[in-house]
Amino acid sequence: MPQLDIVTFFKQYIWTLIVLFFLLTLLLTVILPLIKRGSKIRLIFFPSKIETMGANAPLIRKFAQL
């Protein structure tokens, strides 16, 4: 069975690690900063929405200061 071949398994394992590392890097350098910037802009234009969130308001204010 080719799925259990050591050479094939090792290549698949290495490619999986490379792809996952690339996706993690993309997530940390591009996607998360875009989400953070979008939420900061939203809080600037709609500051009254913070007060309607109740118990999460202090956490949201702290996040906006980062």
PDB file of N, CA and C in Angstrom:
ATOM      1  N   MET A   1       0.841  -1.185   0.000  1.00  0.00           N
ATOM      2  CA  MET A   1       0.000   0.000   0.000  1.00  0.00           C
ATOM      3  C   MET A   1       0.888   1.252   0.000  1.00  0.00           C
ATOM      4  N   PRO A   2       0.672   2.144  -0.943  1.00  0.00           N
ATOM      5  CA  PRO A   2       1.536   3.328  -1.023  1.00  0.00           C
ATOM      6  C   PRO A   2       1.312   4.321   0.123  1.00  0.00           C
ATOM      7  N   GLN A   3       0.179   4.269   0.793  1.00  0.00           N
ATOM      8  CA  GLN A   3      -0.068   5.204   1.883  1.00  0.00           C
ATOM      9  C   GLN A   3       0.865   4.942   3.065  1.00  0.00           C
ATOM     10  N   LEU A   4       1.301   3.703   3.207  1.00  0.00           N
ATOM     11  CA  LEU A   4       2.141   3.339   4.334  1.00  0.00           C
ATOM     12  C   LEU A   4       3.624   3.327   3.987  1.00  0.00           C
ATOM     13  N   ASP A   5       3.960   3.721   2.783  1.00  0.00           N
ATOM     14  CA  ASP A   5       5.357   3.784   2.380  1.00  0.00           C
ATOM     15  C   ASP A   5       6.041   4.919   3.142  1.00  0.00           C
ATOM     16  N   ILE A   6       7.206   4.647   3.694  1.00  0.00           N
ATOM     17  CA  ILE A   6       7.914   5.623   4.531  1.00  0.00           C
ATOM     18  C   ILE A   6       8.242   6.892   3.743  1.00  0.00           C
ATOM     19  N   VAL A   7       8.728   6.747   2.531  1.00  0.00           N
ATOM     20  CA  VAL A   7       9.125   7.910   1.734  1.00  0.00           C
ATOM     21  C   VAL A   7       7.916   8.772   1.402  1.00  0.00           C
ATOM     22  N   THR A   8       6.828   8.166   0.984  1.00  0.00           N
ATOM     23  CA  THR A   8       5.618   8.910   0.644  1.00  0.00           C
ATOM     24  C   THR A   8       5.033   9.587   1.875  1.00  0.00           C
ATOM     25  N   PHE A   9       5.012   8.872   2.981  1.00  0.00           N
ATOM     26  CA  PHE A   9       4.473   9.440   4.214  1.00  0.00           C
ATOM     27  C   PHE A   9       5.295  10.642   4.655  1.00  0.00           C
ATOM     28  N   PHE A  10       6.611  10.536   4.577  1.00  0.00           N
ATOM     29  CA  PHE A  10       7.485  11.625   4.996  1.00  0.00           C
ATOM     30  C   PHE A  10       7.267  12.861   4.119  1.00  0.00           C
ATOM     31  N   LYS A  11       7.124  12.674   2.821  1.00  0.00           N
ATOM     32  CA  LYS A  11       6.889  13.808   1.921  1.00  0.00           C
ATOM     33  C   LYS A  11       5.555  14.484   2.229  1.00  0.00           C
ATOM     34  N   GLN A  12       4.532  13.687   2.457  1.00  0.00           N
ATOM     35  CA  GLN A  12       3.226  14.257   2.796  1.00  0.00           C
ATOM     36  C   GLN A  12       3.290  15.012   4.118  1.00  0.00           C
ATOM     37  N   TYR A  13       4.012  14.475   5.064  1.00  0.00           N
ATOM     38  CA  TYR A  13       4.161  15.118   6.370  1.00  0.00           C
ATOM     39  C   TYR A  13       4.879  16.461   6.235  1.00  0.00           C
ATOM     40  N   ILE A  14       5.954  16.485   5.475  1.00  0.00           N
ATOM     41  CA  ILE A  14       6.701  17.730   5.272  1.00  0.00           C
ATOM     42  C   ILE A  14       5.836  18.766   4.560  1.00  0.00           C
ATOM     43  N   TRP A  15       5.119  18.366   3.511  1.00  0.00           N
ATOM     44  CA  TRP A  15       4.263  19.314   2.792  1.00  0.00           C
ATOM     45  C   TRP A  15       3.140  19.837   3.690  1.00  0.00           C
ATOM     46  N   THR A  16       2.612  18.983   4.537  1.00  0.00           N
ATOM     47  CA  THR A  16       1.577  19.422   5.476  1.00  0.00           C
ATOM     48  C   THR A  16       2.130  20.461   6.436  1.00  0.00           C
ATOM     49  N   LEU A  17       3.322  20.228   6.956  1.00  0.00           N
ATOM     50  CA  LEU A  17       3.940  21.203   7.860  1.00  0.00           C
ATOM     51  C   LEU A  17       4.222  22.527   7.156  1.00  0.00           C
ATOM     52  N   ILE A  18       4.690  22.463   5.924  1.00  0.00           N
ATOM     53  CA  ILE A  18       4.973  23.687   5.164  1.00  0.00           C
ATOM     54  C   ILE A  18       3.694  24.482   4.929  1.00  0.00           C
ATOM     55  N   VAL A  19       2.638  23.817   4.512  1.00  0.00           N
ATOM     56  CA  VAL A  19       1.366  24.499   4.243  1.00  0.00           C
ATOM     57  C   VAL A  19       0.782  25.084   5.523  1.00  0.00           C
ATOM     58  N   LEU A  20       0.812  24.332   6.615  1.00  0.00           N
ATOM     59  CA  LEU A  20       0.276  24.849   7.877  1.00  0.00           C
ATOM     60  C   LEU A  20       1.089  26.033   8.389  1.00  0.00           C
ATOM     61  N   PHE A  21       2.411  25.992   8.234  1.00  0.00           N
ATOM     62  CA  PHE A  21       3.248  27.121   8.631  1.00  0.00           C
ATOM     63  C   PHE A  21       2.922  28.350   7.786  1.00  0.00           C
ATOM     64  N   PHE A  22       2.741  28.157   6.489  1.00  0.00           N
ATOM     65  CA  PHE A  22       2.381  29.264   5.606  1.00  0.00           C
ATOM     66  C   PHE A  22       1.029  29.863   5.995  1.00  0.00           C
ATOM     67  N   LEU A  23       0.050  29.020   6.280  1.00  0.00           N
ATOM     68  CA  LEU A  23      -1.276  29.511   6.672  1.00  0.00           C
ATOM     69  C   LEU A  23      -1.228  30.254   8.007  1.00  0.00           C
ATOM     70  N   LEU A  24      -0.455  29.746   8.956  1.00  0.00           N
ATOM     71  CA  LEU A  24      -0.322  30.427  10.239  1.00  0.00           C
ATOM     72  C   LEU A  24       0.345  31.784  10.069  1.00  0.00           C
ATOM     73  N   THR A  25       1.385  31.841   9.249  1.00  0.00           N
ATOM     74  CA  THR A  25       2.063  33.108   8.983  1.00  0.00           C
ATOM     75  C   THR A  25       1.117  34.098   8.313  1.00  0.00           C
ATOM     76  N   LEU A  26       0.348  33.635   7.355  1.00  0.00           N
ATOM     77  CA  LEU A  26      -0.626  34.489   6.681  1.00  0.00           C
ATOM     78  C   LEU A  26      -1.667  35.011   7.666  1.00  0.00           C
ATOM     79  N   LEU A  27      -2.136  34.149   8.531  1.00  0.00           N
ATOM     80  CA  LEU A  27      -3.130  34.540   9.527  1.00  0.00           C
ATOM     81  C   LEU A  27      -2.576  35.602  10.467  1.00  0.00           C
ATOM     82  N   LEU A  28      -1.362  35.405  10.956  1.00  0.00           N
ATOM     83  CA  LEU A  28      -0.797  36.319  11.942  1.00  0.00           C
ATOM     84  C   LEU A  28      -0.333  37.640  11.346  1.00  0.00           C
ATOM     85  N   THR A  29       0.093  37.651  10.094  1.00  0.00           N
ATOM     86  CA  THR A  29       0.635  38.878   9.519  1.00  0.00           C
ATOM     87  C   THR A  29      -0.364  39.679   8.692  1.00  0.00           C
ATOM     88  N   VAL A  30      -1.404  39.032   8.176  1.00  0.00           N
ATOM     89  CA  VAL A  30      -2.332  39.744   7.292  1.00  0.00           C
ATOM     90  C   VAL A  30      -3.746  39.788   7.861  1.00  0.00           C
ATOM     91  N   ILE A  31      -4.296  38.644   8.162  1.00  0.00           N
ATOM     92  CA  ILE A  31      -5.722  38.568   8.480  1.00  0.00           C
ATOM     93  C   ILE A  31      -6.045  39.170   9.844  1.00  0.00           C
ATOM     94  N   LEU A  32      -5.301  38.794  10.888  1.00  0.00           N
ATOM     95  CA  LEU A  32      -5.603  39.328  12.219  1.00  0.00           C
ATOM     96  C   LEU A  32      -5.394  40.844  12.326  1.00  0.00           C
ATOM     97  N   PRO A  33      -4.322  41.420  11.738  1.00  0.00           N
ATOM     98  CA  PRO A  33      -4.227  42.885  11.765  1.00  0.00           C
ATOM     99  C   PRO A  33      -5.378  43.582  11.037  1.00  0.00           C
ATOM    100  N   LEU A  34      -5.876  42.985   9.956  1.00  0.00           N
ATOM    101  CA  LEU A  34      -7.019  43.582   9.259  1.00  0.00           C
ATOM    102  C   LEU A  34      -8.270  43.561  10.131  1.00  0.00           C
ATOM    103  N   ILE A  35      -8.479  42.471  10.842  1.00  0.00           N
ATOM    104  CA  ILE A  35      -9.635  42.383  11.733  1.00  0.00           C
ATOM    105  C   ILE A  35      -9.512  43.404  12.859  1.00  0.00           C
ATOM    106  N   LYS A  36      -8.319  43.535  13.419  1.00  0.00           N
ATOM    107  CA  LYS A  36      -8.104  44.494  14.509  1.00  0.00           C
ATOM    108  C   LYS A  36      -8.326  45.928  14.022  1.00  0.00           C
ATOM    109  N   ARG A  37      -7.792  46.247  12.841  1.00  0.00           N
ATOM    110  CA  ARG A  37      -7.955  47.601  12.313  1.00  0.00           C
ATOM    111  C   ARG A  37      -9.423  47.900  12.020  1.00  0.00           C
ATOM    112  N   GLY A  38     -10.130  46.924  11.474  1.00  0.00           N
ATOM    113  CA  GLY A  38     -11.551  47.117  11.188  1.00  0.00           C
ATOM    114  C   GLY A  38     -12.365  47.338  12.443  1.00  0.00           C
ATOM    115  N   SER A  39     -12.041  46.595  13.499  1.00  0.00           N
ATOM    116  CA  SER A  39     -12.794  46.785  14.743  1.00  0.00           C
ATOM    117  C   SER A  39     -12.460  48.117  15.393  1.00  0.00           C
ATOM    118  N   LYS A  40     -11.203  48.586  15.269  1.00  0.00           N
ATOM    119  CA  LYS A  40     -10.858  49.905  15.814  1.00  0.00           C
ATOM    120  C   LYS A  40     -11.605  51.009  15.066  1.00  0.00           C
ATOM    121  N   ILE A  41     -11.663  50.905  13.751  1.00  0.00           N
ATOM    122  CA  ILE A  41     -12.388  51.903  12.959  1.00  0.00           C
ATOM    123  C   ILE A  41     -13.863  51.896  13.325  1.00  0.00           C
ATOM    124  N   ARG A  42     -14.418  50.713  13.509  1.00  0.00           N
ATOM    125  CA  ARG A  42     -15.826  50.598  13.884  1.00  0.00           C
ATOM    126  C   ARG A  42     -16.079  51.252  15.243  1.00  0.00           C
ATOM    127  N   LEU A  43     -15.153  51.075  16.183  1.00  0.00           N
ATOM    128  CA  LEU A  43     -15.320  51.680  17.504  1.00  0.00           C
ATOM    129  C   LEU A  43     -15.170  53.198  17.457  1.00  0.00           C
ATOM    130  N   ILE A  44     -14.379  53.707  16.519  1.00  0.00           N
ATOM    131  CA  ILE A  44     -14.242  55.161  16.383  1.00  0.00           C
ATOM    132  C   ILE A  44     -15.543  55.766  15.864  1.00  0.00           C
ATOM    133  N   PHE A  45     -16.145  55.125  14.871  1.00  0.00           N
ATOM    134  CA  PHE A  45     -17.354  55.676  14.273  1.00  0.00           C
ATOM    135  C   PHE A  45     -18.615  55.381  15.076  1.00  0.00           C
ATOM    136  N   PHE A  46     -18.607  54.332  15.876  1.00  0.00           N
ATOM    137  CA  PHE A  46     -19.780  53.962  16.672  1.00  0.00           C
ATOM    138  C   PHE A  46     -19.396  53.741  18.137  1.00  0.00           C
ATOM    139  N   PRO A  47     -18.944  54.780  18.848  1.00  0.00           N
ATOM    140  CA  PRO A  47     -18.526  54.578  20.244  1.00  0.00           C
ATOM    141  C   PRO A  47     -19.692  54.247  21.172  1.00  0.00           C
ATOM    142  N   SER A  48     -20.898  54.611  20.799  1.00  0.00           N
ATOM    143  CA  SER A  48     -22.042  54.325  21.665  1.00  0.00           C
ATOM    144  C   SER A  48     -22.355  52.828  21.714  1.00  0.00           C
ATOM    145  N   LYS A  49     -21.878  52.079  20.731  1.00  0.00           N
ATOM    146  CA  LYS A  49     -22.131  50.638  20.725  1.00  0.00           C
ATOM    147  C   LYS A  49     -21.398  49.939  21.867  1.00  0.00           C
ATOM    148  N   ILE A  50     -20.307  50.537  22.355  1.00  0.00           N
ATOM    149  CA  ILE A  50     -19.567  49.922  23.457  1.00  0.00           C
ATOM    150  C   ILE A  50     -20.444  49.847  24.697  1.00  0.00           C
ATOM    151  N   GLU A  51     -21.165  50.908  24.976  1.00  0.00           N
ATOM    152  CA  GLU A  51     -21.978  50.950  26.191  1.00  0.00           C
ATOM    153  C   GLU A  51     -23.138  49.958  26.137  1.00  0.00           C
ATOM    154  N   THR A  52     -23.614  49.645  24.951  1.00  0.00           N
ATOM    155  CA  THR A  52     -24.737  48.711  24.853  1.00  0.00           C
ATOM    156  C   THR A  52     -24.297  47.256  24.993  1.00  0.00           C
ATOM    157  N   MET A  53     -22.996  47.013  25.061  1.00  0.00           N
ATOM    158  CA  MET A  53     -22.510  45.642  25.163  1.00  0.00           C
ATOM    159  C   MET A  53     -22.458  45.150  26.599  1.00  0.00           C
ATOM    160  N   GLY A  54     -22.747  45.994  27.545  1.00  0.00           N
ATOM    161  CA  GLY A  54     -22.877  45.572  28.935  1.00  0.00           C
ATOM    162  C   GLY A  54     -21.580  45.154  29.574  1.00  0.00           C
ATOM    163  N   ALA A  55     -21.508  43.904  30.022  1.00  0.00           N
ATOM    164  CA  ALA A  55     -20.370  43.412  30.793  1.00  0.00           C
ATOM    165  C   ALA A  55     -19.086  43.368  29.974  1.00  0.00           C
ATOM    166  N   ASN A  56     -19.174  43.305  28.670  1.00  0.00           N
ATOM    167  CA  ASN A  56     -17.979  43.235  27.829  1.00  0.00           C
ATOM    168  C   ASN A  56     -17.377  44.598  27.528  1.00  0.00           C
ATOM    169  N   ALA A  57     -17.985  45.677  27.969  1.00  0.00           N
ATOM    170  CA  ALA A  57     -17.510  47.016  27.636  1.00  0.00           C
ATOM    171  C   ALA A  57     -16.073  47.266  28.091  1.00  0.00           C
ATOM    172  N   PRO A  58     -15.662  46.928  29.327  1.00  0.00           N
ATOM    173  CA  PRO A  58     -14.260  47.162  29.707  1.00  0.00           C
ATOM    174  C   PRO A  58     -13.279  46.367  28.846  1.00  0.00           C
ATOM    175  N   LEU A  59     -13.639  45.163  28.507  1.00  0.00           N
ATOM    176  CA  LEU A  59     -12.771  44.344  27.667  1.00  0.00           C
ATOM    177  C   LEU A  59     -12.637  44.950  26.274  1.00  0.00           C
ATOM    178  N   ILE A  60     -13.714  45.473  25.744  1.00  0.00           N
ATOM    179  CA  ILE A  60     -13.685  46.080  24.408  1.00  0.00           C
ATOM    180  C   ILE A  60     -12.865  47.364  24.429  1.00  0.00           C
ATOM    181  N   ARG A  61     -12.985  48.158  25.494  1.00  0.00           N
ATOM    182  CA  ARG A  61     -12.172  49.378  25.600  1.00  0.00           C
ATOM    183  C   ARG A  61     -10.686  49.035  25.659  1.00  0.00           C
ATOM    184  N   LYS A  62     -10.348  47.998  26.417  1.00  0.00           N
ATOM    185  CA  LYS A  62      -8.950  47.589  26.525  1.00  0.00           C
ATOM    186  C   LYS A  62      -8.434  47.100  25.174  1.00  0.00           C
ATOM    187  N   PHE A  63      -9.254  46.378  24.436  1.00  0.00           N
ATOM    188  CA  PHE A  63      -8.868  45.902  23.111  1.00  0.00           C
ATOM    189  C   PHE A  63      -8.652  47.072  22.155  1.00  0.00           C
ATOM    190  N   ALA A  64      -9.462  48.105  22.275  1.00  0.00           N
ATOM    191  CA  ALA A  64      -9.350  49.258  21.382  1.00  0.00           C
ATOM    192  C   ALA A  64      -8.081  50.050  21.650  1.00  0.00           C
ATOM    193  N   GLN A  65      -7.545  49.966  22.860  1.00  0.00           N
ATOM    194  CA  GLN A  65      -6.333  50.710  23.195  1.00  0.00           C
ATOM    195  C   GLN A  65      -5.068  50.019  22.702  1.00  0.00           C
ATOM    196  N   LEU A  66      -5.132  48.759  22.334  1.00  0.00           N
ATOM    197  CA  LEU A  66      -3.935  48.030  21.890  1.00  0.00           C
ATOM    198  C   LEU A  66      -3.364  48.589  20.621  1.00  0.00           C
TER     199      LEU A  66
END
